[in-house]
C-alpha atoms as a PDB file:
ATOM      1  CA  MET A   1       0.000   0.000   0.000  1.00  0.00           C
ATOM      2  CA  THR A   2       1.401   3.397  -0.948  1.00  0.00           C
ATOM      3  CA  ARG A   3       1.283   6.424   1.289  1.00  0.00           C
ATOM      4  CA  ASP A   4       1.217  10.055   0.430  1.00  0.00           C
ATOM      5  CA  PHE A   5       3.542  11.724   2.868  1.00  0.00           C
ATOM      6  CA  ALA A   6       2.960  15.208   1.407  1.00  0.00           C
ATOM      7  CA  ASN A   7      -0.746  15.118   2.286  1.00  0.00           C
ATOM      8  CA  LYS A   8       0.059  13.655   5.659  1.00  0.00           C
ATOM      9  CA  ALA A   9       2.097  16.701   6.552  1.00  0.00           C
ATOM     10  CA  ALA A  10      -0.713  18.987   5.411  1.00  0.00           C
ATOM     11  CA  ALA A  11      -3.170  16.957   7.425  1.00  0.00           C
ATOM     12  CA  GLY A  12      -1.033  17.426  10.496  1.00  0.00           C
ATOM     13  CA  LYS A  13      -1.199  21.215  10.186  1.00  0.00           C
ATOM     14  CA  GLY A  14      -4.915  21.686   9.782  1.00  0.00           C
ATOM     15  CA  GLY A  15      -6.204  18.271   8.944  1.00  0.00           C
ATOM     16  CA  GLY A  16      -7.554  17.537  12.374  1.00  0.00           C
ATOM     17  CA  LYS A  17     -10.509  19.815  11.772  1.00  0.00           C
ATOM     18  CA  LYS A  18     -11.375  18.043   8.544  1.00  0.00           C
ATOM     19  CA  LYS A  19     -11.278  14.653  10.235  1.00  0.00           C
ATOM     20  CA  ALA A  20     -13.601  15.825  12.978  1.00  0.00           C
ATOM     21  CA  ALA A  21     -16.060  17.276  10.452  1.00  0.00           C
ATOM     22  CA  ASN A  22     -16.032  14.055   8.411  1.00  0.00           C
ATOM     23  CA  ALA A  23     -16.519  11.973  11.538  1.00  0.00           C
ATOM     24  CA  SER A  24     -19.505  14.072  12.626  1.00  0.00           C
ATOM     25  CA  ARG A  25     -21.089  13.689   9.189  1.00  0.00           C
ATOM     26  CA  ARG A  26     -20.681   9.943   9.315  1.00  0.00           C
ATOM     27  CA  GLN A  27     -22.243   9.683  12.734  1.00  0.00           C
ATOM     28  CA  SER A  28     -25.286  11.799  11.851  1.00  0.00           C
ATOM     29  CA  ALA A  29     -26.375   9.553   8.931  1.00  0.00           C
ATOM     30  CA  PRO A  30     -28.036   6.339  10.136  1.00  0.00           C
ATOM     31  CA  PRO A  31     -26.700   3.155   8.566  1.00  0.00           C
ATOM     32  CA  ALA A  32     -28.829   1.715   5.721  1.00  0.00           C
ATOM     33  CA  ALA A  33     -30.915  -1.304   6.745  1.00  0.00           C
ATOM     34  CA  ALA A  34     -30.184  -4.496   4.839  1.00  0.00           C
ATOM     35  CA  PRO A  35     -33.238  -5.839   2.930  1.00  0.00           C
ATOM     36  CA  TRP A  36     -32.348  -9.490   3.518  1.00  0.00           C
ATOM     37  CA  PRO A  37     -33.874  -9.881   6.993  1.00  0.00           C
ATOM     38  CA  TRP A  38     -37.207  -8.516   5.760  1.00  0.00           C
ATOM     39  CA  PHE A  39     -37.140 -10.703   2.659  1.00  0.00           C
ATOM     40  CA  LEU A  40     -36.374 -13.833   4.676  1.00  0.00           C
ATOM     41  CA  ALA A  41     -39.055 -12.996   7.245  1.00  0.00           C
ATOM     42  CA  GLY A  42     -41.681 -12.592   4.493  1.00  0.00           C
ATOM     43  CA  LEU A  43     -40.559 -15.783   2.791  1.00  0.00           C
ATOM     44  CA  LEU A  44     -40.766 -17.782   6.014  1.00  0.00           C
ATOM     45  CA  CYS A  45     -44.240 -16.402   6.768  1.00  0.00           C
ATOM     46  CA  GLY A  46     -45.426 -17.347   3.279  1.00  0.00           C
ATOM     47  CA  VAL A  47     -44.035 -20.882   3.565  1.00  0.00           C
ATOM     48  CA  PHE A  48     -45.618 -21.272   6.998  1.00  0.00           C
ATOM     49  CA  LEU A  49     -49.053 -20.149   5.740  1.00  0.00           C
ATOM     50  CA  CYS A  50     -48.839 -22.472   2.723  1.00  0.00           C
ATOM     51  CA  GLY A  51     -47.974 -25.333   5.057  1.00  0.00           C
ATOM     52  CA  LEU A  52     -51.020 -24.585   7.219  1.00  0.00           C
ATOM     53  CA  VAL A  53     -53.319 -24.535   4.199  1.00  0.00           C
ATOM     54  CA  TRP A  54     -51.860 -27.824   2.965  1.00  0.00           C
ATOM     55  CA  LEU A  55     -52.332 -29.461   6.374  1.00  0.00           C
ATOM     56  CA  ALA A  56     -55.939 -28.270   6.532  1.00  0.00           C
ATOM     57  CA  ALA A  57     -56.598 -29.832   3.148  1.00  0.00           C
ATOM     58  CA  GLN A  58     -54.978 -33.126   4.208  1.00  0.00           C
ATOM     59  CA  GLN A  59     -57.230 -33.762   7.207  1.00  0.00           C
ATOM     60  CA  PRO A  60     -59.820 -36.389   6.331  1.00  0.00           C
ATOM     61  CA  ASP A  61     -63.493 -35.516   6.300  1.00  0.00           C
ATOM     62  CA  THR A  62     -65.063 -37.416   9.197  1.00  0.00           C
ATOM     63  CA  ALA A  63     -68.473 -37.754   7.520  1.00  0.00           C
ATOM     64  CA  ALA A  64     -66.920 -39.233   4.400  1.00  0.00           C
ATOM     65  CA  THR A  65     -64.818 -41.731   6.347  1.00  0.00           C
ATOM     66  CA  GLU A  66     -67.868 -42.834   8.358  1.00  0.00           C
ATOM     67  CA  ALA A  67     -69.870 -43.372   5.171  1.00  0.00           C
ATOM     68  CA  VAL A  68     -67.046 -45.411   3.661  1.00  0.00           C
ATOM     69  CA  ALA A  69     -66.763 -47.493   6.815  1.00  0.00           C
ATOM     70  CA  GLN A  70     -70.511 -48.219   6.770  1.00  0.00           C
ATOM     71  CA  ALA A  71     -70.408 -49.117   3.093  1.00  0.00           C
ATOM     72  CA  ASP A  72     -67.592 -51.587   3.718  1.00  0.00           C
ATOM     73  CA  GLU A  73     -69.533 -53.307   6.477  1.00  0.00           C
ATOM     74  CA  THR A  74     -72.719 -54.029   4.474  1.00  0.00           C
ATOM     75  CA  PRO A  75     -72.025 -54.693   0.796  1.00  0.00           C
ATOM     76  CA  ALA A  76     -75.134 -54.389  -1.362  1.00  0.00           C
ATOM     77  CA  PRO A  77     -76.047 -57.496  -3.333  1.00  0.00           C
ATOM     78  CA  ARG A  78     -75.433 -57.079  -7.052  1.00  0.00           C
ATOM     79  CA  PRO A  79     -78.280 -57.949  -9.365  1.00  0.00           C
ATOM     80  CA  GLU A  80     -77.485 -60.569 -11.936  1.00  0.00           C
ATOM     81  CA  MET A  81     -76.875 -58.976 -15.335  1.00  0.00           C
ATOM     82  CA  ARG A  82     -78.634 -60.402 -18.323  1.00  0.00           C
ATOM     83  CA  PHE A  83     -77.934 -59.528 -21.892  1.00  0.00           C
ATOM     84  CA  ASP A  84     -80.856 -60.786 -23.931  1.00  0.00           C
ATOM     85  CA  PHE A  85     -80.276 -58.661 -26.988  1.00  0.00           C
ATOM     86  CA  TYR A  86     -77.727 -61.153 -28.289  1.00  0.00           C
ATOM     87  CA  LYS A  87     -80.588 -63.582 -28.748  1.00  0.00           C
ATOM     88  CA  LEU A  88     -83.396 -61.171 -29.602  1.00  0.00           C
ATOM     89  CA  LEU A  89     -81.809 -59.053 -32.333  1.00  0.00           C
ATOM     90  CA  PRO A  90     -80.931 -61.819 -34.808  1.00  0.00           C
ATOM     91  CA  GLU A  91     -84.474 -63.148 -34.571  1.00  0.00           C
ATOM     92  CA  GLN A  92     -86.137 -59.806 -35.366  1.00  0.00           C
ATOM     93  CA  SER A  93     -86.795 -58.392 -38.778  1.00  0.00           C
ATOM     94  CA  ILE A  94     -88.244 -55.101 -39.954  1.00  0.00           C
ATOM     95  CA  ASP A  95     -90.423 -54.775 -43.021  1.00  0.00           C
ATOM     96  CA  VAL A  96     -89.825 -51.569 -44.955  1.00  0.00           C
ATOM     97  CA  GLU A  97     -91.971 -50.424 -47.810  1.00  0.00           C
ATOM     98  CA  ILE A  98     -90.145 -48.538 -50.520  1.00  0.00           C
ATOM     99  CA  ASP A  99     -92.085 -45.877 -52.352  1.00  0.00           C
ATOM    100  CA  PRO A 100     -91.152 -45.776 -56.065  1.00  0.00           C
ATOM    101  CA  GLU A 101     -91.596 -41.995 -56.116  1.00  0.00           C
ATOM    102  CA  ALA A 102     -89.132 -41.623 -53.267  1.00  0.00           C
ATOM    103  CA  MET A 103     -86.623 -43.676 -55.223  1.00  0.00           C
ATOM    104  CA  ALA A 104     -87.073 -41.385 -58.217  1.00  0.00           C
ATOM    105  CA  ASN A 105     -86.370 -38.328 -56.022  1.00  0.00           C
ATOM    106  CA  THR A 106     -83.065 -39.743 -54.837  1.00  0.00           C
ATOM    107  CA  SER A 107     -81.640 -39.371 -58.324  1.00  0.00           C
ATOM    108  CA  ALA A 108     -82.709 -35.700 -58.398  1.00  0.00           C
ATOM    109  CA  PRO A 109     -79.860 -33.196 -58.178  1.00  0.00           C
ATOM    110  CA  ARG A 110     -78.917 -32.135 -54.675  1.00  0.00           C
ATOM    111  CA  ASP A 111     -78.070 -28.673 -53.455  1.00  0.00           C
ATOM    112  CA  GLU A 112     -74.610 -27.422 -54.341  1.00  0.00           C
ATOM    113  CA  PHE A 113     -72.245 -25.425 -52.190  1.00  0.00           C
ATOM    114  CA  LEU A 114     -70.256 -22.439 -53.383  1.00  0.00           C
ATOM    115  CA  LEU A 115     -67.903 -19.936 -51.820  1.00  0.00           C
ATOM    116  CA  GLN A 116     -68.399 -16.283 -52.638  1.00  0.00           C
ATOM    117  CA  ALA A 117     -64.976 -14.644 -52.695  1.00  0.00           C
ATOM    118  CA  GLY A 118     -66.118 -11.090 -53.293  1.00  0.00           C
ATOM    119  CA  SER A 119     -68.709  -8.760 -54.728  1.00  0.00           C
ATOM    120  CA  PHE A 120     -67.474  -5.793 -56.739  1.00  0.00           C
ATOM    121  CA  LYS A 121     -68.986  -2.772 -58.464  1.00  0.00           C
ATOM    122  CA  GLN A 122     -66.377  -2.875 -61.254  1.00  0.00           C
ATOM    123  CA  ALA A 123     -65.935  -5.881 -63.554  1.00  0.00           C
ATOM    124  CA  GLU A 124     -62.150  -5.313 -63.590  1.00  0.00           C
ATOM    125  CA  ASP A 125     -61.955  -5.805 -59.809  1.00  0.00           C
ATOM    126  CA  ALA A 126     -63.951  -9.036 -60.071  1.00  0.00           C
ATOM    127  CA  ASP A 127     -61.664 -10.304 -62.854  1.00  0.00           C
ATOM    128  CA  ARG A 128     -58.615  -9.449 -60.747  1.00  0.00           C
ATOM    129  CA  ARG A 129     -60.002 -11.508 -57.824  1.00  0.00           C
ATOM    130  CA  ARG A 130     -60.828 -14.377 -60.213  1.00  0.00           C
ATOM    131  CA  ALA A 131     -57.220 -14.332 -61.462  1.00  0.00           C
ATOM    132  CA  GLU A 132     -55.933 -14.493 -57.854  1.00  0.00           C
ATOM    133  CA  LEU A 133     -58.105 -17.530 -57.233  1.00  0.00           C
ATOM    134  CA  LEU A 134     -56.995 -19.229 -60.449  1.00  0.00           C
ATOM    135  CA  LEU A 135     -53.369 -18.791 -59.338  1.00  0.00           C
ATOM    136  CA  LEU A 136     -54.307 -20.604 -56.118  1.00  0.00           C
ATOM    137  CA  GLY A 137     -55.585 -23.528 -58.196  1.00  0.00           C
ATOM    138  CA  LEU A 138     -59.269 -22.888 -57.548  1.00  0.00           C
ATOM    139  CA  THR A 139     -62.065 -22.872 -60.108  1.00  0.00           C
ATOM    140  CA  ALA A 140     -63.589 -19.404 -60.024  1.00  0.00           C
ATOM    141  CA  SER A 141     -66.315 -17.670 -62.005  1.00  0.00           C
ATOM    142  CA  VAL A 142     -67.785 -14.178 -62.143  1.00  0.00           C
ATOM    143  CA  GLU A 143     -71.539 -13.646 -62.263  1.00  0.00           C
ATOM    144  CA  GLU A 144     -73.321 -10.351 -62.797  1.00  0.00           C
ATOM    145  CA  ALA A 145     -76.224  -9.535 -60.473  1.00  0.00           C
ATOM    146  CA  ASN A 146     -78.648  -6.617 -60.787  1.00  0.00           C
ATOM    147  CA  THR A 147     -79.996  -5.566 -57.389  1.00  0.00           C
ATOM    148  CA  ASP A 148     -81.732  -2.545 -55.884  1.00  0.00           C
ATOM    149  CA  ASN A 149     -78.255  -1.150 -55.162  1.00  0.00           C
ATOM    150  CA  GLY A 150     -77.146  -1.387 -58.757  1.00  0.00           C
ATOM    151  CA  ARG A 151     -75.093  -3.844 -60.751  1.00  0.00           C
ATOM    152  CA  TRP A 152     -72.635  -6.079 -58.894  1.00  0.00           C
ATOM    153  CA  PHE A 153     -70.053  -8.577 -60.085  1.00  0.00           C
ATOM    154  CA  ARG A 154     -69.797 -11.540 -57.721  1.00  0.00           C
ATOM    155  CA  VAL A 155     -66.883 -13.977 -57.705  1.00  0.00           C
ATOM    156  CA  TYR A 156     -67.778 -17.591 -56.897  1.00  0.00           C
ATOM    157  CA  ILE A 157     -65.576 -20.619 -56.203  1.00  0.00           C
ATOM    158  CA  GLY A 158     -67.041 -24.059 -56.832  1.00  0.00           C
ATOM    159  CA  PRO A 159     -69.398 -25.937 -56.840  1.00  0.00           C
ATOM    160  CA  PHE A 160     -67.699 -28.506 -54.613  1.00  0.00           C
ATOM    161  CA  GLU A 161     -68.156 -32.263 -54.781  1.00  0.00           C
ATOM    162  CA  SER A 162     -67.229 -32.921 -51.141  1.00  0.00           C
ATOM    163  CA  ARG A 163     -66.945 -31.134 -47.831  1.00  0.00           C
ATOM    164  CA  SER A 164     -63.207 -31.765 -47.743  1.00  0.00           C
ATOM    165  CA  ALA A 165     -62.733 -29.967 -51.086  1.00  0.00           C
ATOM    166  CA  LEU A 166     -64.834 -27.083 -49.771  1.00  0.00           C
ATOM    167  CA  GLN A 167     -62.780 -26.851 -46.569  1.00  0.00           C
ATOM    168  CA  SER A 168     -59.523 -27.075 -48.503  1.00  0.00           C
ATOM    169  CA  ALA A 169     -60.551 -24.162 -50.733  1.00  0.00           C
ATOM    170  CA  ARG A 170     -61.653 -22.155 -47.708  1.00  0.00           C
ATOM    171  CA  ASN A 171     -58.302 -22.751 -45.987  1.00  0.00           C
ATOM    172  CA  ARG A 172     -56.337 -21.689 -49.082  1.00  0.00           C
ATOM    173  CA  THR A 173     -58.301 -18.453 -49.446  1.00  0.00           C
ATOM    174  CA  ALA A 174     -57.954 -17.701 -45.726  1.00  0.00           C
ATOM    175  CA  GLN A 175     -54.165 -18.117 -45.947  1.00  0.00           C
ATOM    176  CA  GLU A 176     -54.119 -15.512 -48.724  1.00  0.00           C
ATOM    177  CA  GLY A 177     -56.314 -13.115 -46.716  1.00  0.00           C
ATOM    178  CA  ILE A 178     -59.396 -13.549 -48.911  1.00  0.00           C
ATOM    179  CA  ASP A 179     -62.653 -13.682 -46.953  1.00  0.00           C
ATOM    180  CA  THR A 180     -65.246 -16.109 -48.267  1.00  0.00           C
ATOM    181  CA  LEU A 181     -68.945 -16.648 -47.716  1.00  0.00           C
ATOM    182  CA  LEU A 182     -70.458 -20.132 -47.850  1.00  0.00           C
ATOM    183  CA  LEU A 183     -73.519 -20.306 -50.092  1.00  0.00           C
ATOM    184  CA  LYS A 184     -75.985 -23.106 -50.781  1.00  0.00           C
ATOM    185  CA  ARG A 185     -78.159 -23.103 -53.857  1.00  0.00           C
ATOM    186  CA  PRO A 186     -80.164 -25.663 -55.811  1.00  0.00           C
ATOM    187  CA  ALA A 187     -78.105 -27.564 -58.318  1.00  0.00           C
ATOM    188  CA  THR A 188     -78.688 -26.757 -61.930  1.00  0.00           C
ATOM    189  CA  PRO A 189     -80.057 -29.719 -63.886  1.00  0.00           C
ATOM    190  CA  ALA A 190     -77.520 -31.382 -66.100  1.00  0.00           C
ATOM    191  CA  GLY A 191     -77.998 -31.246 -69.838  1.00  0.00           C
END
């Protein structure tokens, strides 16, 4: 450790007053309290309270233990289980009458599902949306509709043959940020 003898000589001449002033300043300021005792005290209180709550939850419910004890003493007789349907079902038959008209209606076209991918006032905007959909690999068409609000150009995707194809198209358009509307309309007769 190095010492400064030049300052020591100056301190000897008038340095005693400075030391006394510094000492009085140090004594007037209270020492800072360490936060650790408070932290540990709070932590211990929290652990103690958690332990009490856990112990309260661990004590058995006396009413429940009495009911279990009574149930163990007198077991209830089990009824014998019988499964008769194994024998009854093969012996039964159901007569169904088939209406020929109902059979003819089954071959009628069903409703078809479409997705509407937009409705535009300008035909150019509708064609632009149709081109976006074609780039996604979807079959799109534009139909003109005259309403009370004027002429609109609506972009449709579909019709779809299955629900999975419909959902796939809806997922692809959603990934591209194109909102769609599910529509159901009667199928157009073939031919």
